[in-house]
Every structure is written in C-alpha cells, then in structure tokens.
Amino acid sequence: MSHNHSHELKNYNNAFAMGVALNLIFVIIEASYGIASDSLALIADAGHNLSDVFALLLAWGANVIASKKPTEKRTYGFKKITVMASLMSAILLLTALGGIAVEAFGRFDDPQPVHGMTVILVALIGVVINTATAFLFISGQKHDLNIKGAFLHMAADAGVSLGVAIGGVLIIFTGALWLDPAISLLIVAVILVGTWHLLRDSVNLSLDAAPSHIDIAGIKRRLTGIKGVCGIHDLHIWGLSASETALTVHLVVTHHVIDNDFLWDTQKNLHDEFGIDHATIQVEAWDENTRCMLNCGDCP
C-alpha cells in the first residue's frame, strides 16, 4: 500500500509541476494580450487562471504534506490538510469571481472596443492548455477531493476559454461590445457552479461529515445483515482526508464467539463495497444494556 501511495504521489507531483508551468505561461500570454486588446474577457480569464495556479500550488503542497507519517501527537498524520487546501482554494475562487463580476457590470455602462481576432487566438490557446492540464488529473478526480478540485478548475477553464473564443467571433461579426462583459459574467457563472460544489464538499469534510459518495444506508444494511448481528449503534463515518474515509461502529451480536476472521471479513467488505479505508469495529454481546441502547424490543 505504501509503495502504491508513493507511486501515486510521484505521478501527481509531475502532474502538478506540469500544470503549474503550463498555466503560468498562459497567464502571462493571456494577460498581456488582454491588456493590449482591452478585452475584459481575456483579463478576467487570465485572473482566474492565475488563481488556478495558486490553487494548483495549494493542492500540490497539501498532497506532499499529507504523505508525511503520523506522529505521537498527530495520530492521523497530516492527511486532513488536503481538505483544508480544497476549502482555501474554493474561498480564493469566490473572492476572484466577485471582483470579476463587479468589473463586468461596470463595463456594461462603459463598453470598450475589443480586438476580436486577438481574443479568439489567445482563448483557443487556453482551450488547449486547460484541456491538457485537466487530463493530468482525470484519473484521480473520482476518489480525491483535492485532485478533483484541480481537475474541475482546469476542465471549467477549458470550457470558459472556448466560450471566450466564440464571443470573439460574435464581436467581429456583430460589433456588439456588450458581449465582452456578458462573456465575463458567463465565466463567473460557470466557475461559480463548480466552486460551490467544491466549497460544500470541503466544508462538510472539515466538519467530519460523511463524504458525499458514501452510501450510509447501504452500510447500515450490510452491517445489520451480517449473520449473528442483531443491531448496530454509534456508527460514525468521516473523511480522514480528501480521499480516505474512516468508520467506527459497535456491532451487537447474539453469539459470544467472535474471531479475527469475522472482523477481517467485515472490514474487507466495507472496503471493497463502500470504499471505507479505515474501519474500527467494537463487538458487544446482546444483553439488557444493549437492548436499551438499540431501543429494540423485538430482538432476541
């Protein structure tokens, strides 16, 4: 397991390094041409891409720190920092989006001429760079909120850059300067949707809520369906990190002989069927105390 984790960390280090380099180069290109062509859409996208560079650096740093071994004081290690990085990334994005929206509304009252062809070419470069960066994180985004944050930023940016390019075409053919701030607001709306989900999931994991992909009802059915188990109580499920889930539970059993195979099989089933990485199970014999705790008068 440690070898796989080390291998994955190395792969993500390469992905983050490449993603940061590509996006930093693009930010410089996009901001330069945005200022030269006086396009708020390009400047807004460059500002967002700069925040993406910070988000990638945050996620990268968190990914490295999370790999440190637990200490006597920090018995869970540093894995929770990946959740903190996701939360900080979402807050940074919301702040940047607010600034872009205010500037865009101002442009409706005072529209500025835009060089459409410049906007189109630079935005199309952005489509290529953001798509390439998104693909670096596509494999890990299903299981790791920290990696998912990086993937969503890049995937959304690819779509937004495509929108900016289309806007440039429309400005050339229609001469409608209001399209520039309108596209800026569209950028804000698209990114806001993805950012809201990231913020919600990050806050939930920070408060030790069960990760959104965990089937809590299914886990309860699976545990109560084990032969000899007549009830469960004190079930707790929370995220140890942006990608690892822990569980503790008390199983009330009708027989007194519990062996290691019973515990091992239960932990393995929780891991294979529900993605629980760390399960701590306490087994209790059925008696009057557990009956009251379960509030179950029909149990044997």
C-alpha atoms as a PDB file:
ATOM      1  CA  MET A   1       0.000   0.000   0.000  1.00  0.00           C
ATOM      2  CA  SER A   2       2.774   2.417   0.891  1.00  0.00           C
ATOM      3  CA  HIS A   3       4.515   1.681  -2.411  1.00  0.00           C
ATOM      4  CA  ASN A   4       1.346   2.475  -4.392  1.00  0.00           C
ATOM      5  CA  HIS A   5       0.814   5.666  -2.413  1.00  0.00           C
ATOM      6  CA  SER A   6       4.402   6.723  -3.072  1.00  0.00           C
ATOM      7  CA  HIS A   7       3.963   5.967  -6.773  1.00  0.00           C
ATOM      8  CA  GLU A   8       0.711   7.953  -6.933  1.00  0.00           C
ATOM      9  CA  LEU A   9       2.337  10.883  -5.094  1.00  0.00           C
ATOM     10  CA  LYS A  10       5.178  10.931  -7.613  1.00  0.00           C
ATOM     11  CA  ASN A  11       2.715  10.875 -10.527  1.00  0.00           C
ATOM     12  CA  TYR A  12       0.738  13.759  -9.024  1.00  0.00           C
ATOM     13  CA  ASN A  13       3.927  15.717  -8.343  1.00  0.00           C
ATOM     14  CA  ASN A  14       4.717  15.517 -12.057  1.00  0.00           C
ATOM     15  CA  ALA A  15       1.138  16.452 -12.961  1.00  0.00           C
ATOM     16  CA  PHE A  16       1.127  19.456 -10.618  1.00  0.00           C
ATOM     17  CA  ALA A  17       4.539  20.668 -11.839  1.00  0.00           C
ATOM     18  CA  MET A  18       3.456  20.459 -15.476  1.00  0.00           C
ATOM     19  CA  GLY A  19       0.068  22.033 -14.734  1.00  0.00           C
ATOM     20  CA  VAL A  20       1.583  24.984 -12.854  1.00  0.00           C
ATOM     21  CA  ALA A  21       4.191  25.624 -15.571  1.00  0.00           C
ATOM     22  CA  LEU A  22       1.673  25.484 -18.440  1.00  0.00           C
ATOM     23  CA  ASN A  23      -0.847  27.734 -16.710  1.00  0.00           C
ATOM     24  CA  LEU A  24       1.720  30.271 -15.544  1.00  0.00           C
ATOM     25  CA  ILE A  25       2.987  30.683 -19.110  1.00  0.00           C
ATOM     26  CA  PHE A  26      -0.593  31.047 -20.348  1.00  0.00           C
ATOM     27  CA  VAL A  27      -1.467  33.625 -17.671  1.00  0.00           C
ATOM     28  CA  ILE A  28       1.393  35.847 -18.873  1.00  0.00           C
ATOM     29  CA  ILE A  29       0.342  35.457 -22.530  1.00  0.00           C
ATOM     30  CA  GLU A  30      -3.364  35.981 -21.831  1.00  0.00           C
ATOM     31  CA  ALA A  31      -2.938  38.983 -19.529  1.00  0.00           C
ATOM     32  CA  SER A  32      -0.535  40.672 -21.978  1.00  0.00           C
ATOM     33  CA  TYR A  33      -2.886  40.308 -24.936  1.00  0.00           C
ATOM     34  CA  GLY A  34      -5.917  41.119 -22.781  1.00  0.00           C
ATOM     35  CA  ILE A  35      -4.391  44.466 -21.793  1.00  0.00           C
ATOM     36  CA  ALA A  36      -3.174  45.142 -25.339  1.00  0.00           C
ATOM     37  CA  SER A  37      -6.600  44.397 -26.868  1.00  0.00           C
ATOM     38  CA  ASP A  38      -8.505  45.920 -23.927  1.00  0.00           C
ATOM     39  CA  SER A  39     -10.581  42.741 -23.532  1.00  0.00           C
ATOM     40  CA  LEU A  40     -12.098  42.275 -20.106  1.00  0.00           C
ATOM     41  CA  ALA A  41     -12.999  38.697 -21.055  1.00  0.00           C
ATOM     42  CA  LEU A  42      -9.319  37.852 -21.568  1.00  0.00           C
ATOM     43  CA  ILE A  43      -8.180  39.785 -18.493  1.00  0.00           C
ATOM     44  CA  ALA A  44     -10.887  38.114 -16.403  1.00  0.00           C
ATOM     45  CA  ASP A  45      -9.885  34.670 -17.659  1.00  0.00           C
ATOM     46  CA  ALA A  46      -6.211  35.467 -17.019  1.00  0.00           C
ATOM     47  CA  GLY A  47      -7.058  36.482 -13.460  1.00  0.00           C
ATOM     48  CA  HIS A  48      -8.935  33.272 -12.946  1.00  0.00           C
ATOM     49  CA  ASN A  49      -6.117  31.238 -14.456  1.00  0.00           C
ATOM     50  CA  LEU A  50      -3.719  32.936 -12.029  1.00  0.00           C
ATOM     51  CA  SER A  51      -5.966  31.869  -9.156  1.00  0.00           C
ATOM     52  CA  ASP A  52      -5.838  28.374 -10.672  1.00  0.00           C
ATOM     53  CA  VAL A  53      -2.043  28.452 -10.442  1.00  0.00           C
ATOM     54  CA  PHE A  54      -2.374  29.252  -6.732  1.00  0.00           C
ATOM     55  CA  ALA A  55      -4.999  26.513  -6.405  1.00  0.00           C
ATOM     56  CA  LEU A  56      -2.678  24.010  -8.072  1.00  0.00           C
ATOM     57  CA  LEU A  57       0.181  25.065  -5.776  1.00  0.00           C
ATOM     58  CA  LEU A  58      -2.098  24.704  -2.749  1.00  0.00           C
ATOM     59  CA  ALA A  59      -3.262  21.255  -3.832  1.00  0.00           C
ATOM     60  CA  TRP A  60       0.295  20.214  -4.657  1.00  0.00           C
ATOM     61  CA  GLY A  61       1.660  21.349  -1.288  1.00  0.00           C
ATOM     62  CA  ALA A  62      -1.195  19.658   0.553  1.00  0.00           C
ATOM     63  CA  ASN A  63      -0.622  16.443  -1.385  1.00  0.00           C
ATOM     64  CA  VAL A  64       3.046  16.402  -0.366  1.00  0.00           C
ATOM     65  CA  ILE A  65       2.415  17.285   3.300  1.00  0.00           C
ATOM     66  CA  ALA A  66      -0.367  14.676   3.548  1.00  0.00           C
ATOM     67  CA  SER A  67       2.162  11.948   2.731  1.00  0.00           C
ATOM     68  CA  LYS A  68       4.107  12.592   5.960  1.00  0.00           C
ATOM     69  CA  LYS A  69       3.948   9.870   8.582  1.00  0.00           C
ATOM     70  CA  PRO A  70       1.741  10.222  11.685  1.00  0.00           C
ATOM     71  CA  THR A  71       3.390  11.492  14.858  1.00  0.00           C
ATOM     72  CA  GLU A  72       2.712  10.784  18.521  1.00  0.00           C
ATOM     73  CA  LYS A  73       0.626  13.961  18.712  1.00  0.00           C
ATOM     74  CA  ARG A  74      -0.929  13.861  15.222  1.00  0.00           C
ATOM     75  CA  THR A  75      -2.005  10.234  15.234  1.00  0.00           C
ATOM     76  CA  TYR A  76      -3.956  10.617  11.979  1.00  0.00           C
ATOM     77  CA  GLY A  77      -0.978  12.226  10.287  1.00  0.00           C
ATOM     78  CA  PHE A  78      -1.370  15.319   8.098  1.00  0.00           C
ATOM     79  CA  LYS A  79      -3.973  13.980   5.666  1.00  0.00           C
ATOM     80  CA  LYS A  80      -6.669  16.458   6.668  1.00  0.00           C
ATOM     81  CA  ILE A  81      -4.613  19.264   5.147  1.00  0.00           C
ATOM     82  CA  THR A  82      -5.881  18.154   1.723  1.00  0.00           C
ATOM     83  CA  VAL A  83      -9.395  19.127   2.857  1.00  0.00           C
ATOM     84  CA  MET A  84      -8.111  22.480   4.143  1.00  0.00           C
ATOM     85  CA  ALA A  85      -6.433  23.119   0.782  1.00  0.00           C
ATOM     86  CA  SER A  86      -9.682  22.393  -1.070  1.00  0.00           C
ATOM     87  CA  LEU A  87     -11.546  24.796   1.206  1.00  0.00           C
ATOM     88  CA  MET A  88      -8.948  27.557   0.773  1.00  0.00           C
ATOM     89  CA  SER A  89      -8.993  27.046  -2.984  1.00  0.00           C
ATOM     90  CA  ALA A  90     -12.782  27.450  -3.105  1.00  0.00           C
ATOM     91  CA  ILE A  91     -12.667  30.635  -0.990  1.00  0.00           C
ATOM     92  CA  LEU A  92      -9.940  32.141  -3.207  1.00  0.00           C
ATOM     93  CA  LEU A  93     -12.022  31.428  -6.279  1.00  0.00           C
ATOM     94  CA  LEU A  94     -15.160  33.014  -4.838  1.00  0.00           C
ATOM     95  CA  THR A  95     -13.195  36.161  -3.976  1.00  0.00           C
ATOM     96  CA  ALA A  96     -11.769  36.394  -7.504  1.00  0.00           C
ATOM     97  CA  LEU A  97     -15.202  35.825  -9.048  1.00  0.00           C
ATOM     98  CA  GLY A  98     -16.656  38.705  -7.042  1.00  0.00           C
ATOM     99  CA  GLY A  99     -14.028  41.089  -8.408  1.00  0.00           C
ATOM    100  CA  ILE A 100     -14.597  39.951 -11.992  1.00  0.00           C
ATOM    101  CA  ALA A 101     -18.382  40.375 -11.661  1.00  0.00           C
ATOM    102  CA  VAL A 102     -18.087  43.938 -10.316  1.00  0.00           C
ATOM    103  CA  GLU A 103     -15.775  44.940 -13.181  1.00  0.00           C
ATOM    104  CA  ALA A 104     -18.046  43.300 -15.766  1.00  0.00           C
ATOM    105  CA  PHE A 105     -21.144  45.191 -14.599  1.00  0.00           C
ATOM    106  CA  GLY A 106     -19.148  48.432 -14.861  1.00  0.00           C
ATOM    107  CA  ARG A 107     -18.282  47.628 -18.480  1.00  0.00           C
ATOM    108  CA  PHE A 108     -21.984  47.450 -19.443  1.00  0.00           C
ATOM    109  CA  ASP A 109     -22.245  51.197 -18.707  1.00  0.00           C
ATOM    110  CA  ASP A 110     -18.914  51.986 -20.353  1.00  0.00           C
ATOM    111  CA  PRO A 111     -18.207  49.397 -23.104  1.00  0.00           C
ATOM    112  CA  GLN A 112     -14.695  49.334 -24.566  1.00  0.00           C
ATOM    113  CA  PRO A 113     -13.647  48.331 -28.115  1.00  0.00           C
ATOM    114  CA  VAL A 114     -12.241  44.807 -28.343  1.00  0.00           C
ATOM    115  CA  HIS A 115      -9.874  43.259 -30.900  1.00  0.00           C
ATOM    116  CA  GLY A 116     -11.863  40.117 -31.682  1.00  0.00           C
ATOM    117  CA  MET A 117      -9.179  38.154 -33.535  1.00  0.00           C
ATOM    118  CA  THR A 118      -6.702  38.553 -30.655  1.00  0.00           C
ATOM    119  CA  VAL A 119      -9.341  37.329 -28.216  1.00  0.00           C
ATOM    120  CA  ILE A 120     -10.090  34.302 -30.402  1.00  0.00           C
ATOM    121  CA  LEU A 121      -6.479  33.187 -30.847  1.00  0.00           C
ATOM    122  CA  VAL A 122      -5.448  33.612 -27.211  1.00  0.00           C
ATOM    123  CA  ALA A 123      -8.614  31.900 -25.943  1.00  0.00           C
ATOM    124  CA  LEU A 124      -8.051  28.921 -28.266  1.00  0.00           C
ATOM    125  CA  ILE A 125      -4.546  28.546 -26.797  1.00  0.00           C
ATOM    126  CA  GLY A 126      -6.288  28.459 -23.419  1.00  0.00           C
ATOM    127  CA  VAL A 127      -8.602  25.668 -24.578  1.00  0.00           C
ATOM    128  CA  VAL A 128      -5.590  23.512 -25.482  1.00  0.00           C
ATOM    129  CA  ILE A 129      -3.591  24.258 -22.306  1.00  0.00           C
ATOM    130  CA  ASN A 130      -6.513  23.862 -19.895  1.00  0.00           C
ATOM    131  CA  THR A 131      -7.701  20.634 -21.539  1.00  0.00           C
ATOM    132  CA  ALA A 132      -4.189  19.179 -21.406  1.00  0.00           C
ATOM    133  CA  THR A 133      -3.865  20.134 -17.720  1.00  0.00           C
ATOM    134  CA  ALA A 134      -7.286  18.665 -16.877  1.00  0.00           C
ATOM    135  CA  PHE A 135      -6.256  15.327 -18.395  1.00  0.00           C
ATOM    136  CA  LEU A 136      -3.309  15.193 -15.968  1.00  0.00           C
ATOM    137  CA  PHE A 137      -5.776  14.847 -13.085  1.00  0.00           C
ATOM    138  CA  ILE A 138      -8.631  12.927 -14.714  1.00  0.00           C
ATOM    139  CA  SER A 139      -7.680   9.556 -13.208  1.00  0.00           C
ATOM    140  CA  GLY A 140      -7.583  10.717  -9.583  1.00  0.00           C
ATOM    141  CA  GLN A 141     -10.514  13.146  -9.514  1.00  0.00           C
ATOM    142  CA  LYS A 142     -13.137  10.466  -8.772  1.00  0.00           C
ATOM    143  CA  HIS A 143     -11.573   9.441  -5.465  1.00  0.00           C
ATOM    144  CA  ASP A 144      -9.761  12.535  -4.157  1.00  0.00           C
ATOM    145  CA  LEU A 145     -11.467  15.881  -3.463  1.00  0.00           C
ATOM    146  CA  ASN A 146      -8.116  17.678  -3.597  1.00  0.00           C
ATOM    147  CA  ILE A 147      -7.356  16.270  -7.058  1.00  0.00           C
ATOM    148  CA  LYS A 148     -10.989  16.803  -8.074  1.00  0.00           C
ATOM    149  CA  GLY A 149     -10.608  20.498  -7.251  1.00  0.00           C
ATOM    150  CA  ALA A 150      -7.620  20.759  -9.592  1.00  0.00           C
ATOM    151  CA  PHE A 151      -9.438  18.810 -12.317  1.00  0.00           C
ATOM    152  CA  LEU A 152     -12.629  20.881 -12.077  1.00  0.00           C
ATOM    153  CA  HIS A 153     -10.682  24.151 -12.257  1.00  0.00           C
ATOM    154  CA  MET A 154      -8.954  23.067 -15.453  1.00  0.00           C
ATOM    155  CA  ALA A 155     -11.989  21.448 -17.089  1.00  0.00           C
ATOM    156  CA  ALA A 156     -14.130  24.520 -16.400  1.00  0.00           C
ATOM    157  CA  ASP A 157     -11.400  26.792 -17.745  1.00  0.00           C
ATOM    158  CA  ALA A 158     -11.244  24.829 -20.992  1.00  0.00           C
ATOM    159  CA  GLY A 159     -14.971  25.362 -21.467  1.00  0.00           C
ATOM    160  CA  VAL A 160     -14.752  29.029 -20.483  1.00  0.00           C
ATOM    161  CA  SER A 161     -11.859  29.676 -22.896  1.00  0.00           C
ATOM    162  CA  LEU A 162     -13.944  28.114 -25.648  1.00  0.00           C
ATOM    163  CA  GLY A 163     -16.764  30.491 -24.703  1.00  0.00           C
ATOM    164  CA  VAL A 164     -14.397  33.462 -24.871  1.00  0.00           C
ATOM    165  CA  ALA A 165     -13.274  32.399 -28.360  1.00  0.00           C
ATOM    166  CA  ILE A 166     -16.879  32.120 -29.532  1.00  0.00           C
ATOM    167  CA  GLY A 167     -17.537  35.570 -28.053  1.00  0.00           C
ATOM    168  CA  GLY A 168     -14.645  36.987 -30.052  1.00  0.00           C
ATOM    169  CA  VAL A 169     -16.172  35.626 -33.257  1.00  0.00           C
ATOM    170  CA  LEU A 170     -19.540  37.184 -32.389  1.00  0.00           C
ATOM    171  CA  ILE A 171     -17.961  40.572 -31.636  1.00  0.00           C
ATOM    172  CA  ILE A 172     -16.208  40.590 -35.039  1.00  0.00           C
ATOM    173  CA  PHE A 173     -19.434  39.835 -36.923  1.00  0.00           C
ATOM    174  CA  THR A 174     -21.908  41.868 -34.848  1.00  0.00           C
ATOM    175  CA  GLY A 175     -19.822  44.662 -33.347  1.00  0.00           C
ATOM    176  CA  ALA A 176     -21.804  44.229 -30.113  1.00  0.00           C
ATOM    177  CA  LEU A 177     -19.326  45.381 -27.445  1.00  0.00           C
ATOM    178  CA  TRP A 178     -21.670  44.368 -24.616  1.00  0.00           C
ATOM    179  CA  LEU A 179     -20.759  40.750 -25.420  1.00  0.00           C
ATOM    180  CA  ASP A 180     -17.354  41.231 -23.728  1.00  0.00           C
ATOM    181  CA  PRO A 181     -18.710  41.907 -20.205  1.00  0.00           C
ATOM    182  CA  ALA A 182     -21.535  39.426 -20.849  1.00  0.00           C
ATOM    183  CA  ILE A 183     -18.989  36.686 -21.522  1.00  0.00           C
ATOM    184  CA  SER A 184     -17.120  37.739 -18.375  1.00  0.00           C
ATOM    185  CA  LEU A 185     -20.295  37.191 -16.357  1.00  0.00           C
ATOM    186  CA  LEU A 186     -20.785  33.840 -18.082  1.00  0.00           C
ATOM    187  CA  ILE A 187     -17.262  32.913 -16.955  1.00  0.00           C
ATOM    188  CA  VAL A 188     -18.242  33.841 -13.393  1.00  0.00           C
ATOM    189  CA  ALA A 189     -21.476  31.786 -13.560  1.00  0.00           C
ATOM    190  CA  VAL A 190     -19.808  28.655 -14.961  1.00  0.00           C
ATOM    191  CA  ILE A 191     -16.974  28.696 -12.432  1.00  0.00           C
ATOM    192  CA  LEU A 192     -19.351  29.536  -9.572  1.00  0.00           C
ATOM    193  CA  VAL A 193     -21.260  26.278 -10.084  1.00  0.00           C
ATOM    194  CA  GLY A 194     -18.145  24.105  -9.836  1.00  0.00           C
ATOM    195  CA  THR A 195     -16.728  26.182  -6.996  1.00  0.00           C
ATOM    196  CA  TRP A 196     -19.948  25.886  -4.978  1.00  0.00           C
ATOM    197  CA  HIS A 197     -19.796  22.070  -5.084  1.00  0.00           C
ATOM    198  CA  LEU A 198     -16.127  22.148  -4.105  1.00  0.00           C
ATOM    199  CA  LEU A 199     -16.861  24.568  -1.239  1.00  0.00           C
ATOM    200  CA  ARG A 200     -19.803  22.487   0.010  1.00  0.00           C
ATOM    201  CA  ASP A 201     -17.852  19.204  -0.015  1.00  0.00           C
ATOM    202  CA  SER A 202     -14.799  20.829   1.591  1.00  0.00           C
ATOM    203  CA  VAL A 203     -16.865  22.367   4.400  1.00  0.00           C
ATOM    204  CA  ASN A 204     -18.645  19.058   5.011  1.00  0.00           C
ATOM    205  CA  LEU A 205     -15.368  17.137   5.259  1.00  0.00           C
ATOM    206  CA  SER A 206     -13.916  19.847   7.520  1.00  0.00           C
ATOM    207  CA  LEU A 207     -16.861  19.224   9.869  1.00  0.00           C
ATOM    208  CA  ASP A 208     -16.209  15.459   9.757  1.00  0.00           C
ATOM    209  CA  ALA A 209     -19.342  14.727   7.722  1.00  0.00           C
ATOM    210  CA  ALA A 210     -19.530  11.506   5.745  1.00  0.00           C
ATOM    211  CA  PRO A 211     -18.136  12.042   2.211  1.00  0.00           C
ATOM    212  CA  SER A 212     -20.872  12.569  -0.391  1.00  0.00           C
ATOM    213  CA  HIS A 213     -20.075   9.355  -2.282  1.00  0.00           C
ATOM    214  CA  ILE A 214     -20.517   7.119   0.774  1.00  0.00           C
ATOM    215  CA  ASP A 215     -23.704   5.025   0.816  1.00  0.00           C
ATOM    216  CA  ILE A 216     -24.616   5.309   4.515  1.00  0.00           C
ATOM    217  CA  ALA A 217     -27.920   3.447   4.185  1.00  0.00           C
ATOM    218  CA  GLY A 218     -26.165   0.640   2.286  1.00  0.00           C
ATOM    219  CA  ILE A 219     -23.517   0.344   5.010  1.00  0.00           C
ATOM    220  CA  LYS A 220     -26.221   0.052   7.681  1.00  0.00           C
ATOM    221  CA  ARG A 221     -27.997  -2.672   5.685  1.00  0.00           C
ATOM    222  CA  ARG A 222     -24.732  -4.524   5.130  1.00  0.00           C
ATOM    223  CA  LEU A 223     -23.751  -4.464   8.804  1.00  0.00           C
ATOM    224  CA  THR A 224     -27.169  -5.422  10.165  1.00  0.00           C
ATOM    225  CA  GLY A 225     -27.374  -8.179   7.538  1.00  0.00           C
ATOM    226  CA  ILE A 226     -24.278  -9.975   8.872  1.00  0.00           C
ATOM    227  CA  LYS A 227     -25.158 -13.358  10.376  1.00  0.00           C
ATOM    228  CA  GLY A 228     -25.279 -13.118  14.163  1.00  0.00           C
ATOM    229  CA  VAL A 229     -25.525  -9.302  14.236  1.00  0.00           C
ATOM    230  CA  CYS A 230     -28.838  -8.137  15.696  1.00  0.00           C
ATOM    231  CA  GLY A 231     -28.140  -4.404  15.699  1.00  0.00           C
ATOM    232  CA  ILE A 232     -25.617  -1.582  15.442  1.00  0.00           C
ATOM    233  CA  HIS A 233     -25.097   1.695  17.288  1.00  0.00           C
ATOM    234  CA  ASP A 234     -22.600   4.583  17.438  1.00  0.00           C
ATOM    235  CA  LEU A 235     -21.929   4.425  13.700  1.00  0.00           C
ATOM    236  CA  HIS A 236     -19.577   7.259  12.700  1.00  0.00           C
ATOM    237  CA  ILE A 237     -18.253   7.875   9.178  1.00  0.00           C
ATOM    238  CA  TRP A 238     -15.925  10.764   8.283  1.00  0.00           C
ATOM    239  CA  GLY A 239     -13.210  11.783   5.865  1.00  0.00           C
ATOM    240  CA  LEU A 240      -9.655  11.352   7.106  1.00  0.00           C
ATOM    241  CA  SER A 241      -8.506  13.309   4.073  1.00  0.00           C
ATOM    242  CA  ALA A 242      -9.785  14.397   0.684  1.00  0.00           C
ATOM    243  CA  SER A 243      -9.581  10.771  -0.456  1.00  0.00           C
ATOM    244  CA  GLU A 244      -9.672   8.446   2.594  1.00  0.00           C
ATOM    245  CA  THR A 245     -12.710   7.530   4.673  1.00  0.00           C
ATOM    246  CA  ALA A 246     -12.841   6.180   8.229  1.00  0.00           C
ATOM    247  CA  LEU A 247     -15.608   4.367  10.102  1.00  0.00           C
ATOM    248  CA  THR A 248     -16.246   3.288  13.678  1.00  0.00           C
ATOM    249  CA  VAL A 249     -19.218   1.198  14.771  1.00  0.00           C
ATOM    250  CA  HIS A 250     -20.484  -1.008  17.592  1.00  0.00           C
ATOM    251  CA  LEU A 251     -21.942  -4.350  16.461  1.00  0.00           C
ATOM    252  CA  VAL A 252     -24.327  -6.113  18.811  1.00  0.00           C
ATOM    253  CA  VAL A 253     -24.164  -9.887  18.321  1.00  0.00           C
ATOM    254  CA  THR A 254     -26.266 -12.793  19.551  1.00  0.00           C
ATOM    255  CA  HIS A 255     -23.342 -15.186  19.953  1.00  0.00           C
ATOM    256  CA  HIS A 256     -20.299 -14.775  22.147  1.00  0.00           C
ATOM    257  CA  VAL A 257     -17.642 -16.353  19.936  1.00  0.00           C
ATOM    258  CA  ILE A 258     -16.023 -13.646  17.791  1.00  0.00           C
ATOM    259  CA  ASP A 259     -12.776 -14.377  15.964  1.00  0.00           C
ATOM    260  CA  ASN A 260     -10.375 -12.343  13.880  1.00  0.00           C
ATOM    261  CA  ASP A 261     -11.819 -13.730  10.649  1.00  0.00           C
ATOM    262  CA  PHE A 262     -15.195 -12.164  11.492  1.00  0.00           C
ATOM    263  CA  LEU A 263     -13.598  -8.732  11.988  1.00  0.00           C
ATOM    264  CA  TRP A 264     -11.295  -9.070   8.982  1.00  0.00           C
ATOM    265  CA  ASP A 265     -14.144 -10.110   6.657  1.00  0.00           C
ATOM    266  CA  THR A 266     -16.315  -7.217   7.873  1.00  0.00           C
ATOM    267  CA  GLN A 267     -13.523  -4.676   7.328  1.00  0.00           C
ATOM    268  CA  LYS A 268     -12.733  -6.122   3.895  1.00  0.00           C
ATOM    269  CA  ASN A 269     -16.393  -5.959   2.831  1.00  0.00           C
ATOM    270  CA  LEU A 270     -16.655  -2.343   3.989  1.00  0.00           C
ATOM    271  CA  HIS A 271     -13.529  -1.500   1.986  1.00  0.00           C
ATOM    272  CA  ASP A 272     -14.432  -3.371  -1.202  1.00  0.00           C
ATOM    273  CA  GLU A 273     -18.134  -2.490  -1.325  1.00  0.00           C
ATOM    274  CA  PHE A 274     -18.231   1.016   0.167  1.00  0.00           C
ATOM    275  CA  GLY A 275     -14.710   2.448  -0.079  1.00  0.00           C
ATOM    276  CA  ILE A 276     -14.063   2.567   3.696  1.00  0.00           C
ATOM    277  CA  ASP A 277     -10.278   2.737   4.136  1.00  0.00           C
ATOM    278  CA  HIS A 278     -10.097   2.517   7.944  1.00  0.00           C
ATOM    279  CA  ALA A 279     -12.772   0.615   9.887  1.00  0.00           C
ATOM    280  CA  THR A 280     -12.708   0.190  13.669  1.00  0.00           C
ATOM    281  CA  ILE A 281     -15.308  -2.289  14.894  1.00  0.00           C
ATOM    282  CA  GLN A 282     -16.340  -2.931  18.501  1.00  0.00           C
ATOM    283  CA  VAL A 283     -18.308  -6.111  19.118  1.00  0.00           C
ATOM    284  CA  GLU A 284     -20.764  -6.378  22.028  1.00  0.00           C
ATOM    285  CA  ALA A 285     -22.812  -9.308  23.283  1.00  0.00           C
ATOM    286  CA  TRP A 286     -26.599  -8.934  23.351  1.00  0.00           C
ATOM    287  CA  ASP A 287     -27.974  -8.131  26.825  1.00  0.00           C
ATOM    288  CA  GLU A 288     -30.406  -5.755  28.514  1.00  0.00           C
ATOM    289  CA  ASN A 289     -27.988  -2.807  28.276  1.00  0.00           C
ATOM    290  CA  THR A 290     -27.517  -3.141  24.523  1.00  0.00           C
ATOM    291  CA  ARG A 291     -31.284  -3.705  24.073  1.00  0.00           C
ATOM    292  CA  CYS A 292     -31.951  -0.337  25.706  1.00  0.00           C
ATOM    293  CA  MET A 293     -29.201   1.284  23.631  1.00  0.00           C
ATOM    294  CA  LEU A 294     -30.694  -0.062  20.420  1.00  0.00           C
ATOM    295  CA  ASN A 295     -34.249   0.617  21.592  1.00  0.00           C
ATOM    296  CA  CYS A 296     -35.137  -2.698  20.054  1.00  0.00           C
ATOM    297  CA  GLY A 297     -37.746  -4.713  21.893  1.00  0.00           C
ATOM    298  CA  ASP A 298     -38.130  -7.330  19.131  1.00  0.00           C
ATOM    299  CA  CYS A 299     -34.552  -8.591  19.184  1.00  0.00           C
ATOM    300  CA  PRO A 300     -33.917 -11.959  20.905  1.00  0.00           C
END
